[in-house]
Amino acid sequence: MVAGLVNGTAYRYGVAAANSLGSGASSVLSVAVVPSTVPTAVRTVKVTYPEALRTTVIWLAPVSTGGAAVRRYEARFRLSTSTTLSVWTSPGLVRAATSRGC
């Protein structure tokens, strides 16, 4: 395991065999790989009720993308009396969700 890598930074690797006499030639370098992790939480979530049976949720992008581009947002919600979670997935990088009731 290689320690000290930075998410979002590209690395290339080469490997050489070694024995008691020393190290052989290095392999050709690998293609670049970019370590990443999940983004941090979005910030400043605000919910408004602009009209009856409608809510709007807006938020700010996370401080860290984890080293990979954010591809979408998922707004999770449920009725206060339910344990079932619903998910609304944004089209692309839209940072707002509007829900209409029946």
Protein backbone atom coordinates (compact mmCIF):
# COMPACT_ATOMS: atom_id res chain seq x y z
CA MET A 1 0.00 0.00 0.00
CA VAL A 2 1.30 3.44 -0.89
CA ALA A 3 0.69 6.02 1.86
CA GLY A 4 0.47 9.80 1.59
CA LEU A 5 -1.44 10.04 -1.69
CA VAL A 6 -3.64 13.07 -2.30
CA ASN A 7 -7.16 12.59 -3.66
CA GLY A 8 -7.57 14.19 -7.08
CA THR A 9 -3.85 13.99 -7.91
CA ALA A 10 -2.72 11.73 -10.78
CA TYR A 11 -0.02 9.12 -10.12
CA ARG A 12 1.87 6.72 -12.42
CA TYR A 13 3.69 3.64 -11.19
CA GLY A 14 6.67 1.59 -12.30
CA VAL A 15 7.88 -1.64 -10.71
CA ALA A 16 11.33 -3.22 -10.57
CA ALA A 17 12.35 -6.63 -9.23
CA ALA A 18 15.09 -6.69 -6.62
CA ASN A 19 17.34 -9.38 -5.15
CA SER A 20 20.48 -9.48 -3.01
CA LEU A 21 22.50 -7.98 -5.87
CA GLY A 22 20.26 -4.97 -6.40
CA SER A 23 17.29 -3.77 -8.42
CA GLY A 24 16.61 -4.57 -12.06
CA ALA A 25 15.25 -2.16 -14.62
CA SER A 26 11.90 -0.55 -13.94
CA SER A 27 8.82 -1.47 -15.90
CA VAL A 28 7.15 0.96 -18.24
CA LEU A 29 5.12 3.43 -16.21
CA SER A 30 1.45 2.63 -15.75
CA VAL A 31 -1.33 4.79 -17.05
CA ALA A 32 -2.16 7.61 -14.68
CA VAL A 33 -4.56 6.78 -11.85
CA VAL A 34 -6.35 9.31 -9.68
CA PRO A 35 -7.35 8.25 -6.16
CA SER A 36 -10.66 9.64 -4.97
CA THR A 37 -13.35 9.24 -2.33
CA VAL A 38 -16.94 10.37 -1.86
CA PRO A 39 -17.64 14.13 -1.64
CA THR A 40 -18.14 15.85 1.69
CA ALA A 41 -21.68 16.84 2.66
CA VAL A 42 -23.40 19.65 0.76
CA ARG A 43 -23.69 22.90 2.70
CA THR A 44 -26.39 25.36 3.71
CA VAL A 45 -29.49 23.33 2.89
CA LYS A 46 -32.58 25.58 2.83
CA VAL A 47 -36.18 24.46 2.44
CA THR A 48 -38.95 26.91 1.53
CA TYR A 49 -42.68 26.50 1.02
CA PRO A 50 -43.53 29.00 -1.74
CA GLU A 51 -47.10 27.75 -2.15
CA ALA A 52 -49.47 25.06 -0.94
CA LEU A 53 -48.33 21.49 -1.58
CA ARG A 54 -44.94 22.60 -2.90
CA THR A 55 -41.47 22.67 -1.35
CA THR A 56 -38.19 23.91 -2.78
CA VAL A 57 -34.81 22.74 -1.49
CA ILE A 58 -31.57 24.55 -2.38
CA TRP A 59 -27.99 23.93 -1.25
CA LEU A 60 -24.36 24.87 -1.78
CA ALA A 61 -21.85 22.49 -3.33
CA PRO A 62 -19.62 20.45 -0.98
CA VAL A 63 -16.30 21.90 0.13
CA SER A 64 -14.49 18.83 -1.24
CA THR A 65 -15.45 16.73 -4.24
CA GLY A 66 -13.26 13.89 -2.95
CA GLY A 67 -10.94 14.23 -5.91
CA ALA A 68 -13.52 13.37 -8.58
CA ALA A 69 -16.07 15.62 -10.25
CA VAL A 70 -19.58 15.71 -8.76
CA ARG A 71 -21.90 14.22 -11.39
CA ARG A 72 -25.29 14.70 -9.73
CA TYR A 73 -27.02 15.50 -6.46
CA GLU A 74 -29.51 13.31 -4.61
CA ALA A 75 -32.13 14.98 -2.42
CA ARG A 76 -33.44 12.48 0.14
CA PHE A 77 -36.76 12.98 1.85
CA ARG A 78 -39.53 11.18 3.72
CA LEU A 79 -42.83 11.83 5.39
CA SER A 80 -42.33 12.62 9.08
CA THR A 81 -44.52 9.59 9.93
CA SER A 82 -42.70 7.19 7.61
CA THR A 83 -39.47 5.25 7.63
CA THR A 84 -39.42 4.98 3.82
CA LEU A 85 -36.85 7.26 2.22
CA SER A 86 -37.42 8.68 -1.26
CA VAL A 87 -34.65 10.03 -3.47
CA TRP A 88 -34.81 12.78 -6.08
CA THR A 89 -31.78 12.81 -8.40
CA SER A 90 -30.83 16.11 -9.99
CA PRO A 91 -30.37 16.39 -13.72
CA GLY A 92 -26.63 17.08 -13.84
CA LEU A 93 -25.32 19.68 -11.43
CA VAL A 94 -28.59 21.44 -10.60
CA ARG A 95 -28.43 22.46 -6.91
CA ALA A 96 -32.19 22.76 -6.29
CA ALA A 97 -35.16 20.42 -6.04
CA THR A 98 -38.86 21.25 -6.18
CA SER A 99 -41.51 18.83 -4.98
CA ARG A 100 -45.25 19.13 -5.63
CA GLY A 101 -47.91 17.35 -3.62
CA CYS A 102 -51.25 16.00 -4.80
